[in-house]
Amino acid sequence: MKKMISRNLAICALCLCATMVSAQDTKVLDGAWSGTLKAGFTSLEVVFHIGHDEAGKATCTMDSPNQGARGIPAEVNHLSADSLAIGCKAINAEYKGKLSGDSIKGTFYQNMMSLPLNLHRIEGGVGKPLRPQLPKEPFPYPTKEVTFTNEADHATLAGTIAYPAGYDQKANKGATAIVMVSGSGQQNRDEEVFEHKPFLVIADHLARHGIATLRYDDRGTAQSVGGEVENATSLDFMRDAQAAVKFLRQQGFKRIGVLGHSEGALIAFMLGALGEPDFIISMGGPGVKGDTILSSQVNKMLELNESPMRVTTKGYIESISSQLNPWLRFFIDYDPARDIASVRCPVMAINGSLDSQVISTLNLPAIQRTLSANPKHLFKEYPGLNHLMQHCKTGSPNEYYEIEETISPEVLKDITDWIQGL
């Protein structure tokens, strides 16, 4: 649920705009400089890439590796042989530092706050993190780029169908296919976050085991166009997923499931209440009202950071009342219980025991209690997994980027086995 992540890491937004200014004659500080910014409960790696263009003007870009953000432009306000000042206008921030030995010792300023930020030179900047599960072409199965339309919202969604090896539309009329629905925030078809691509990894695994998938770019993202984005809520995104299910049926698939992660699981249950899917897979899905989700998330983060503070649901919602956009207002008020109770198809609901965003002990039992009985249901909490279904130490979102694993192999196997056993 990236909307909530971004609020918890407000200091880490680093959405910067910039221009370039004249450089000094020296280029002593050219290169990549890295440091760790600690703000409250958050530690964030920051990398400045300092250089000069062909006209001799000083340039700078910034990386925020923990958030998968690279090449963010920054403004060089001052650069000399032993000091620099870099402006971050979009977040009203500035960094000032002075060379001391082989490090730059400085301060990061934002609004009325100042934080120490010491930099050290690194060779070639920060490399791409290792993602050993990322599939590489050529794939042993066919894929097809497709578009489909949510006519009610005038949205055209672009996506990829991954077919099982040897799939034939005429010969495999009863084949199984899955629509994959991402978590909150606009994401591409791979649900790319923190330089992980969970949906691509899942689609690859399922295709290799005889199950087709459709994953698509969220409306207004990548190659998907049209549809309201700024004021859209989960109901709007549900209609996009509904259009995806309809599209797969038009392609000849007869048994169609919906795999939803986080908010995507909430949408899967909405579709289940409408009788759209033949089965549902909920990964880290909410089972209680949105205001409870948010306050429990905040309290979990306080606990992880060994803070004695705790918030009540009412108090927390009142504290953010001035920040409520349509999506958040809907999420806070939405209770999934009615939709979950209306679902009649088989459901696989899974959560990680260390999920700090959708707390497993709060949400998974609620889903299990609310669903109508069905012998094909599967409920499972995975010890030591976080909200992205990665093996982790604490479950904090700060770990997502550093973990090489994209998704637990056990989760991939269990999803496959459960679908094949339906």
Protein backbone atom coordinates (compact mmCIF):
# COMPACT_ATOMS: atom_id res chain seq x y z
CA MET A 1 0.00 0.00 0.00
CA LYS A 2 2.36 2.61 -1.24
CA LYS A 3 0.18 5.59 -0.44
CA MET A 4 0.67 4.82 3.23
CA ILE A 5 4.37 4.05 2.78
CA SER A 6 4.94 7.44 1.22
CA ARG A 7 3.26 9.21 4.13
CA ASN A 8 5.39 7.37 6.66
CA LEU A 9 8.45 8.40 4.66
CA ALA A 10 7.44 11.98 3.99
CA ILE A 11 10.98 13.25 4.34
CA CYS A 12 12.01 10.70 1.74
CA ALA A 13 9.80 11.89 -1.10
CA LEU A 14 12.72 13.51 -2.92
CA CYS A 15 10.66 14.51 -5.93
CA LEU A 16 13.03 17.23 -6.98
CA CYS A 17 13.12 19.73 -9.82
CA ALA A 18 16.20 21.64 -10.84
CA THR A 19 18.13 23.84 -13.17
CA MET A 20 21.89 24.12 -13.60
CA VAL A 21 24.16 26.99 -12.58
CA SER A 22 27.68 28.01 -13.46
CA ALA A 23 30.38 25.78 -12.01
CA GLN A 24 33.63 26.87 -10.45
CA ASP A 25 36.82 26.05 -12.30
CA THR A 26 37.55 23.10 -10.06
CA LYS A 27 36.01 19.68 -10.55
CA VAL A 28 37.41 18.21 -7.37
CA LEU A 29 33.97 17.19 -6.11
CA ASP A 30 32.83 15.61 -9.38
CA GLY A 31 31.63 12.07 -8.87
CA ALA A 32 29.11 10.11 -6.82
CA TRP A 33 28.66 10.82 -3.11
CA SER A 34 26.52 8.68 -0.80
CA GLY A 35 25.21 9.16 2.73
CA THR A 36 22.42 8.09 5.07
CA LEU A 37 19.71 10.52 6.07
CA LYS A 38 18.05 9.60 9.38
CA ALA A 39 14.70 11.27 10.01
CA GLY A 40 12.74 9.99 12.96
CA PHE A 41 11.97 6.33 12.32
CA THR A 42 13.39 6.35 8.81
CA SER A 43 16.86 5.78 7.39
CA LEU A 44 17.28 6.72 3.75
CA GLU A 45 20.31 6.37 1.52
CA VAL A 46 20.91 9.47 -0.60
CA VAL A 47 23.35 9.66 -3.52
CA PHE A 48 24.39 12.87 -5.28
CA HIS A 49 26.00 12.62 -8.72
CA ILE A 50 27.99 15.80 -9.29
CA GLY A 51 29.46 16.71 -12.66
CA HIS A 52 29.74 19.34 -15.40
CA ASP A 53 28.15 19.60 -18.81
CA GLU A 54 29.89 20.49 -22.06
CA ALA A 55 29.40 24.20 -21.35
CA GLY A 56 31.15 23.86 -18.01
CA LYS A 57 28.02 24.25 -15.91
CA ALA A 58 27.72 22.26 -12.71
CA THR A 59 25.13 19.51 -12.77
CA CYS A 60 23.72 17.23 -10.13
CA THR A 61 21.29 14.37 -9.98
CA MET A 62 20.12 12.47 -6.94
CA ASP A 63 19.32 8.83 -6.27
CA SER A 64 17.05 7.50 -3.54
CA PRO A 65 17.89 3.80 -3.87
CA ASN A 66 15.60 2.68 -1.06
CA GLN A 67 12.66 3.99 -3.06
CA GLY A 68 13.99 2.85 -6.44
CA ALA A 69 14.30 6.48 -7.59
CA ARG A 70 17.31 7.36 -9.73
CA GLY A 71 18.46 10.32 -11.77
CA ILE A 72 16.33 12.89 -9.90
CA PRO A 73 17.50 16.37 -10.97
CA ALA A 74 18.84 18.69 -8.27
CA GLU A 75 19.96 22.33 -8.33
CA VAL A 76 23.61 23.21 -7.72
CA ASN A 77 23.56 26.50 -5.84
CA HIS A 78 27.25 26.51 -4.94
CA LEU A 79 30.25 24.38 -5.85
CA SER A 80 33.89 25.04 -4.99
CA ALA A 81 37.00 23.01 -4.34
CA ASP A 82 35.90 22.10 -0.82
CA SER A 83 32.19 22.90 -0.39
CA LEU A 84 28.82 22.63 -2.07
CA ALA A 85 25.18 23.60 -1.68
CA ILE A 86 22.41 21.68 -3.46
CA GLY A 87 18.84 22.91 -3.58
CA CYS A 88 15.71 20.75 -3.59
CA LYS A 89 12.97 23.22 -4.48
CA ALA A 90 10.11 20.74 -4.84
CA ILE A 91 10.34 19.75 -1.16
CA ASN A 92 11.68 23.11 0.07
CA ALA A 93 14.99 21.50 1.04
CA GLU A 94 18.71 22.19 0.74
CA TYR A 95 21.94 20.36 1.43
CA LYS A 96 25.12 22.18 2.45
CA GLY A 97 28.42 20.42 3.03
CA LYS A 98 32.16 20.95 3.30
CA LEU A 99 34.96 18.59 2.31
CA SER A 100 36.75 17.10 5.30
CA GLY A 101 39.42 14.58 4.38
CA ASP A 102 37.77 12.12 2.01
CA SER A 103 34.21 12.89 3.20
CA ILE A 104 31.74 15.74 2.91
CA LYS A 105 30.27 16.71 6.27
CA GLY A 106 27.04 18.62 6.00
CA THR A 107 23.45 19.27 6.88
CA PHE A 108 20.16 18.60 5.15
CA TYR A 109 17.57 21.33 5.68
CA GLN A 110 13.83 21.09 5.12
CA ASN A 111 11.37 23.72 6.30
CA MET A 112 12.21 24.27 9.99
CA MET A 113 14.15 21.03 10.34
CA SER A 114 17.85 20.28 9.95
CA LEU A 115 19.42 16.83 9.86
CA PRO A 116 23.08 15.77 9.64
CA LEU A 117 24.04 14.16 6.35
CA ASN A 118 27.64 13.13 5.79
CA LEU A 119 28.67 11.87 2.36
CA HIS A 120 31.45 9.61 1.18
CA ARG A 121 32.66 9.11 -2.36
CA ILE A 122 31.64 5.92 -4.13
CA GLU A 123 32.87 4.60 -7.43
CA GLY A 124 30.33 4.70 -10.25
CA GLY A 125 27.34 5.44 -8.04
CA VAL A 126 24.96 2.87 -6.66
CA GLY A 127 24.57 -0.22 -8.80
CA LYS A 128 21.35 -2.02 -9.52
CA PRO A 129 20.32 -4.24 -6.61
CA LEU A 130 20.43 -7.98 -7.12
CA ARG A 131 17.06 -9.45 -8.04
CA PRO A 132 17.84 -13.14 -8.65
CA GLN A 133 14.20 -14.15 -9.26
CA LEU A 134 13.70 -11.69 -12.12
CA PRO A 135 12.96 -13.80 -15.22
CA LYS A 136 15.07 -13.21 -18.29
CA GLU A 137 14.20 -13.73 -21.93
CA PRO A 138 13.86 -15.87 -23.91
CA PHE A 139 10.89 -17.28 -22.01
CA PRO A 140 9.76 -20.90 -22.54
CA TYR A 141 6.20 -19.66 -23.08
CA PRO A 142 4.51 -17.13 -25.40
CA THR A 143 3.41 -13.65 -24.32
CA LYS A 144 1.13 -11.14 -26.02
CA GLU A 145 0.82 -7.39 -25.59
CA VAL A 146 -2.86 -6.44 -25.38
CA THR A 147 -5.20 -3.54 -24.68
CA PHE A 148 -8.74 -3.60 -23.30
CA THR A 149 -11.24 -0.92 -22.34
CA ASN A 150 -13.18 0.06 -19.26
CA GLU A 151 -15.90 1.80 -21.25
CA ALA A 152 -17.71 3.23 -18.21
CA ASP A 153 -14.61 5.21 -17.19
CA HIS A 154 -13.20 5.79 -20.70
CA ALA A 155 -9.98 4.05 -19.69
CA THR A 156 -7.85 1.97 -22.04
CA LEU A 157 -5.63 -0.46 -20.17
CA ALA A 158 -2.46 -1.95 -21.65
CA GLY A 159 -1.09 -5.23 -20.44
CA THR A 160 0.59 -8.55 -21.10
CA ILE A 161 -0.91 -12.01 -21.32
CA ALA A 162 1.57 -14.75 -20.42
CA TYR A 163 0.34 -18.03 -21.91
CA PRO A 164 1.47 -21.47 -20.75
CA ALA A 165 3.86 -23.23 -23.07
CA GLY A 166 1.96 -24.96 -25.89
CA TYR A 167 -1.28 -23.09 -25.22
CA ASP A 168 -3.76 -23.29 -28.08
CA GLN A 169 -6.93 -21.20 -27.90
CA LYS A 170 -9.07 -23.82 -29.63
CA ALA A 171 -7.61 -26.87 -27.93
CA ASN A 172 -7.43 -25.32 -24.45
CA LYS A 173 -10.87 -23.76 -24.09
CA GLY A 174 -11.07 -24.70 -20.41
CA ALA A 175 -7.67 -23.25 -19.55
CA THR A 176 -7.21 -21.23 -16.38
CA ALA A 177 -6.20 -17.57 -16.42
CA ILE A 178 -5.65 -15.01 -13.69
CA VAL A 179 -6.10 -11.24 -13.62
CA MET A 180 -3.46 -9.63 -11.42
CA VAL A 181 -4.50 -6.47 -9.52
CA SER A 182 -1.85 -4.32 -7.88
CA GLY A 183 -1.77 -2.56 -4.52
CA SER A 184 -2.44 1.12 -3.89
CA GLY A 185 -0.69 3.80 -5.88
CA GLN A 186 -0.23 3.88 -9.63
CA GLN A 187 1.92 0.96 -10.69
CA ASN A 188 2.92 -0.67 -13.93
CA ARG A 189 1.89 -4.16 -14.98
CA ASP A 190 4.77 -5.75 -13.06
CA GLU A 191 3.66 -4.03 -9.83
CA GLU A 192 7.16 -2.58 -9.82
CA VAL A 193 8.13 -1.23 -6.41
CA PHE A 194 11.54 -0.75 -4.78
CA GLU A 195 13.03 -2.20 -7.98
CA HIS A 196 11.19 -5.47 -7.44
CA LYS A 197 8.71 -6.79 -10.03
CA PRO A 198 6.44 -9.15 -8.08
CA PHE A 199 3.78 -9.61 -10.76
CA LEU A 200 6.35 -10.45 -13.42
CA VAL A 201 7.88 -13.08 -11.12
CA ILE A 202 4.45 -14.56 -10.32
CA ALA A 203 3.34 -14.54 -13.97
CA ASP A 204 6.55 -16.28 -15.03
CA HIS A 205 6.15 -18.97 -12.40
CA LEU A 206 2.50 -19.62 -13.26
CA ALA A 207 3.13 -19.76 -17.01
CA ARG A 208 5.81 -22.37 -16.42
CA HIS A 209 3.18 -24.42 -14.56
CA GLY A 210 0.34 -24.24 -17.07
CA ILE A 211 -1.54 -21.15 -15.83
CA ALA A 212 -2.08 -18.01 -17.91
CA THR A 213 -2.06 -14.48 -16.47
CA LEU A 214 -3.05 -10.98 -17.50
CA ARG A 215 -1.19 -8.17 -15.77
CA TYR A 216 -1.81 -4.57 -16.79
CA ASP A 217 -0.60 -1.03 -16.20
CA ASP A 218 -2.83 0.88 -13.79
CA ARG A 219 -4.91 3.61 -15.42
CA GLY A 220 -2.83 6.70 -16.22
CA THR A 221 0.39 4.70 -15.84
CA ALA A 222 2.93 3.57 -18.42
CA GLN A 223 0.96 2.57 -21.54
CA SER A 224 -2.54 2.76 -20.01
CA VAL A 225 -4.43 5.94 -20.86
CA GLY A 226 -7.69 7.65 -19.96
CA GLY A 227 -9.88 7.40 -16.92
CA GLU A 228 -9.94 9.65 -13.87
CA VAL A 229 -6.81 9.24 -11.74
CA GLU A 230 -6.54 12.17 -9.33
CA ASN A 231 -9.97 11.60 -7.77
CA ALA A 232 -10.26 7.86 -8.40
CA THR A 233 -11.10 5.43 -5.59
CA SER A 234 -10.95 1.67 -5.21
CA LEU A 235 -14.37 1.47 -6.86
CA ASP A 236 -12.97 3.04 -10.03
CA PHE A 237 -10.00 0.68 -10.05
CA MET A 238 -12.39 -2.22 -9.47
CA ARG A 239 -14.09 -1.42 -12.78
CA ASP A 240 -10.70 -1.63 -14.51
CA ALA A 241 -10.16 -5.11 -13.05
CA GLN A 242 -13.72 -6.05 -14.02
CA ALA A 243 -12.92 -5.06 -17.60
CA ALA A 244 -9.82 -7.26 -17.45
CA VAL A 245 -11.88 -10.30 -16.37
CA LYS A 246 -14.36 -9.65 -19.19
CA PHE A 247 -11.50 -9.34 -21.68
CA LEU A 248 -10.02 -12.70 -20.67
CA ARG A 249 -13.40 -14.40 -21.09
CA GLN A 250 -13.56 -12.91 -24.59
CA GLN A 251 -10.17 -14.50 -25.25
CA GLY A 252 -11.63 -17.95 -24.65
CA PHE A 253 -10.55 -18.61 -21.08
CA LYS A 254 -13.31 -20.31 -19.10
CA ARG A 255 -11.95 -20.40 -15.56
CA ILE A 256 -10.72 -16.99 -14.48
CA GLY A 257 -9.39 -15.98 -11.10
CA VAL A 258 -8.30 -12.67 -9.62
CA LEU A 259 -5.04 -12.38 -7.72
CA GLY A 260 -4.92 -9.16 -5.75
CA HIS A 261 -2.14 -7.76 -3.60
CA SER A 262 -3.00 -5.36 -0.76
CA GLU A 263 -5.62 -2.96 -2.18
CA GLY A 264 -5.77 -5.33 -5.14
CA ALA A 265 -7.09 -8.04 -2.79
CA LEU A 266 -9.76 -5.63 -1.58
CA ILE A 267 -10.75 -5.15 -5.24
CA ALA A 268 -10.73 -8.92 -5.77
CA PHE A 269 -13.31 -9.30 -2.98
CA MET A 270 -15.42 -6.52 -4.53
CA LEU A 271 -15.41 -8.50 -7.78
CA GLY A 272 -16.14 -11.69 -5.88
CA ALA A 273 -19.25 -10.11 -4.39
CA LEU A 274 -20.39 -9.40 -7.96
CA GLY A 275 -19.78 -13.01 -8.98
CA GLU A 276 -17.10 -12.10 -11.51
CA PRO A 277 -14.15 -14.42 -10.72
CA ASP A 278 -14.15 -18.19 -10.39
CA PHE A 279 -11.60 -17.99 -7.57
CA ILE A 280 -9.69 -15.35 -5.60
CA ILE A 281 -6.15 -15.11 -4.26
CA SER A 282 -5.71 -12.46 -1.58
CA MET A 283 -2.10 -11.54 -0.83
CA GLY A 284 -1.80 -9.24 2.18
CA GLY A 285 -5.44 -8.27 1.76
CA PRO A 286 -7.48 -6.13 4.16
CA GLY A 287 -10.19 -7.83 6.19
CA VAL A 288 -11.19 -4.90 8.42
CA LYS A 289 -12.27 -1.29 7.94
CA GLY A 290 -9.75 1.11 6.40
CA ASP A 291 -9.41 3.40 9.42
CA THR A 292 -8.40 0.39 11.51
CA ILE A 293 -5.91 -0.68 8.85
CA LEU A 294 -4.20 2.72 8.95
CA SER A 295 -4.06 3.14 12.72
CA SER A 296 -2.76 -0.42 13.22
CA GLN A 297 -0.11 0.27 10.60
CA VAL A 298 1.04 3.40 12.41
CA ASN A 299 1.15 1.58 15.74
CA LYS A 300 3.18 -1.23 14.19
CA MET A 301 5.73 1.26 12.89
CA LEU A 302 5.94 2.86 16.34
CA GLU A 303 6.50 -0.58 17.83
CA LEU A 304 9.23 -1.43 15.32
CA ASN A 305 11.01 1.77 16.24
CA GLU A 306 10.71 1.03 19.96
CA SER A 307 8.55 4.06 20.58
CA PRO A 308 6.19 3.93 23.59
CA MET A 309 3.65 6.05 21.71
CA ARG A 310 0.44 4.53 20.37
CA VAL A 311 -2.46 6.09 18.49
CA THR A 312 -6.17 5.39 18.65
CA THR A 313 -8.07 4.91 15.43
CA LYS A 314 -10.23 7.98 16.10
CA GLY A 315 -7.27 10.14 17.10
CA TYR A 316 -5.18 9.16 14.10
CA ILE A 317 -7.95 9.76 11.57
CA GLU A 318 -8.63 13.17 13.12
CA SER A 319 -4.93 14.02 12.84
CA ILE A 320 -4.89 13.39 9.07
CA SER A 321 -8.34 14.81 8.33
CA SER A 322 -6.86 17.78 6.47
CA GLN A 323 -4.92 15.43 4.15
CA LEU A 324 -7.85 13.35 2.94
CA ASN A 325 -8.10 12.97 -0.83
CA PRO A 326 -10.96 10.98 -2.44
CA TRP A 327 -9.00 7.72 -2.46
CA LEU A 328 -8.03 7.96 1.20
CA ARG A 329 -11.50 9.11 2.28
CA PHE A 330 -13.04 6.09 0.57
CA PHE A 331 -10.45 3.73 2.01
CA ILE A 332 -10.96 4.99 5.57
CA ASP A 333 -14.73 4.54 5.39
CA TYR A 334 -14.77 1.27 3.47
CA ASP A 335 -15.47 -1.92 5.43
CA PRO A 336 -14.79 -5.00 3.24
CA ALA A 337 -16.91 -7.30 5.43
CA ARG A 338 -20.08 -7.04 3.34
CA ASP A 339 -18.27 -7.82 0.09
CA ILE A 340 -16.25 -10.64 1.65
CA ALA A 341 -19.43 -12.19 3.10
CA SER A 342 -21.01 -12.16 -0.36
CA VAL A 343 -18.17 -14.10 -2.01
CA ARG A 344 -19.11 -17.66 -3.00
CA CYS A 345 -16.07 -18.74 -5.01
CA PRO A 346 -12.99 -20.45 -3.48
CA VAL A 347 -10.55 -18.08 -1.77
CA MET A 348 -6.87 -18.42 -0.96
CA ALA A 349 -6.05 -15.74 1.64
CA ILE A 350 -2.40 -15.41 2.66
CA ASN A 351 -0.45 -12.95 4.79
CA GLY A 352 3.05 -12.67 6.20
CA SER A 353 3.47 -12.79 9.96
CA LEU A 354 5.76 -9.73 9.83
CA ASP A 355 3.54 -7.65 7.55
CA SER A 356 3.68 -4.14 9.05
CA GLN A 357 1.17 -2.63 6.63
CA VAL A 358 -1.77 -5.05 6.65
CA ILE A 359 -1.32 -6.73 10.03
CA SER A 360 -1.84 -10.47 9.60
CA THR A 361 -3.25 -11.21 13.06
CA LEU A 362 -5.88 -8.51 12.55
CA ASN A 363 -6.88 -9.08 8.92
CA LEU A 364 -6.46 -12.76 8.10
CA PRO A 365 -8.77 -14.02 10.90
CA ALA A 366 -11.33 -11.37 9.90
CA ILE A 367 -11.37 -12.66 6.34
CA GLN A 368 -11.69 -16.24 7.55
CA ARG A 369 -14.55 -15.40 9.94
CA THR A 370 -16.46 -13.40 7.33
CA LEU A 371 -16.25 -15.72 4.33
CA SER A 372 -18.98 -18.29 3.83
CA ALA A 373 -17.74 -21.83 4.42
CA ASN A 374 -16.15 -23.55 1.46
CA PRO A 375 -13.94 -26.66 1.65
CA LYS A 376 -11.70 -25.21 -1.05
CA HIS A 377 -10.78 -22.10 0.94
CA LEU A 378 -7.17 -21.84 2.10
CA PHE A 379 -5.98 -19.48 4.85
CA LYS A 380 -2.30 -19.30 5.67
CA GLU A 381 0.05 -17.03 7.58
CA TYR A 382 3.69 -17.37 6.54
CA PRO A 383 6.22 -16.99 9.36
CA GLY A 384 8.87 -14.35 8.72
CA LEU A 385 7.35 -12.80 5.59
CA ASN A 386 6.53 -9.11 5.09
CA HIS A 387 3.85 -7.29 3.08
CA LEU A 388 5.63 -8.10 -0.20
CA MET A 389 5.84 -11.77 0.83
CA GLN A 390 9.62 -11.54 1.22
CA HIS A 391 11.63 -13.22 3.95
CA CYS A 392 12.71 -10.39 6.23
CA LYS A 393 14.04 -9.45 9.66
CA THR A 394 11.48 -6.98 11.00
CA GLY A 395 8.81 -6.39 8.31
CA SER A 396 9.59 -2.67 8.11
CA PRO A 397 9.13 -1.07 4.66
CA ASN A 398 12.72 0.14 5.04
CA GLU A 399 13.83 -3.43 4.27
CA TYR A 400 11.97 -3.88 0.98
CA TYR A 401 14.69 -2.45 -1.23
CA GLU A 402 17.58 -4.18 0.52
CA ILE A 403 16.06 -7.68 0.31
CA GLU A 404 17.16 -9.52 -2.83
CA GLU A 405 14.23 -11.94 -2.81
CA THR A 406 11.18 -10.61 -4.64
CA ILE A 407 8.69 -13.17 -3.32
CA SER A 408 9.01 -16.32 -1.25
CA PRO A 409 9.35 -19.48 -3.40
CA GLU A 410 7.04 -21.22 -0.93
CA VAL A 411 4.31 -18.68 -1.69
CA LEU A 412 4.77 -19.21 -5.44
CA LYS A 413 4.51 -22.99 -5.02
CA ASP A 414 1.47 -22.79 -2.75
CA ILE A 415 -0.39 -20.49 -5.16
CA THR A 416 0.32 -22.87 -8.04
CA ASP A 417 -0.63 -26.00 -6.09
CA TRP A 418 -3.86 -24.45 -4.83
CA ILE A 419 -4.99 -23.36 -8.31
CA GLN A 420 -4.16 -26.73 -9.81
CA GLY A 421 -6.11 -28.43 -7.03
CA LEU A 422 -9.35 -26.53 -7.64
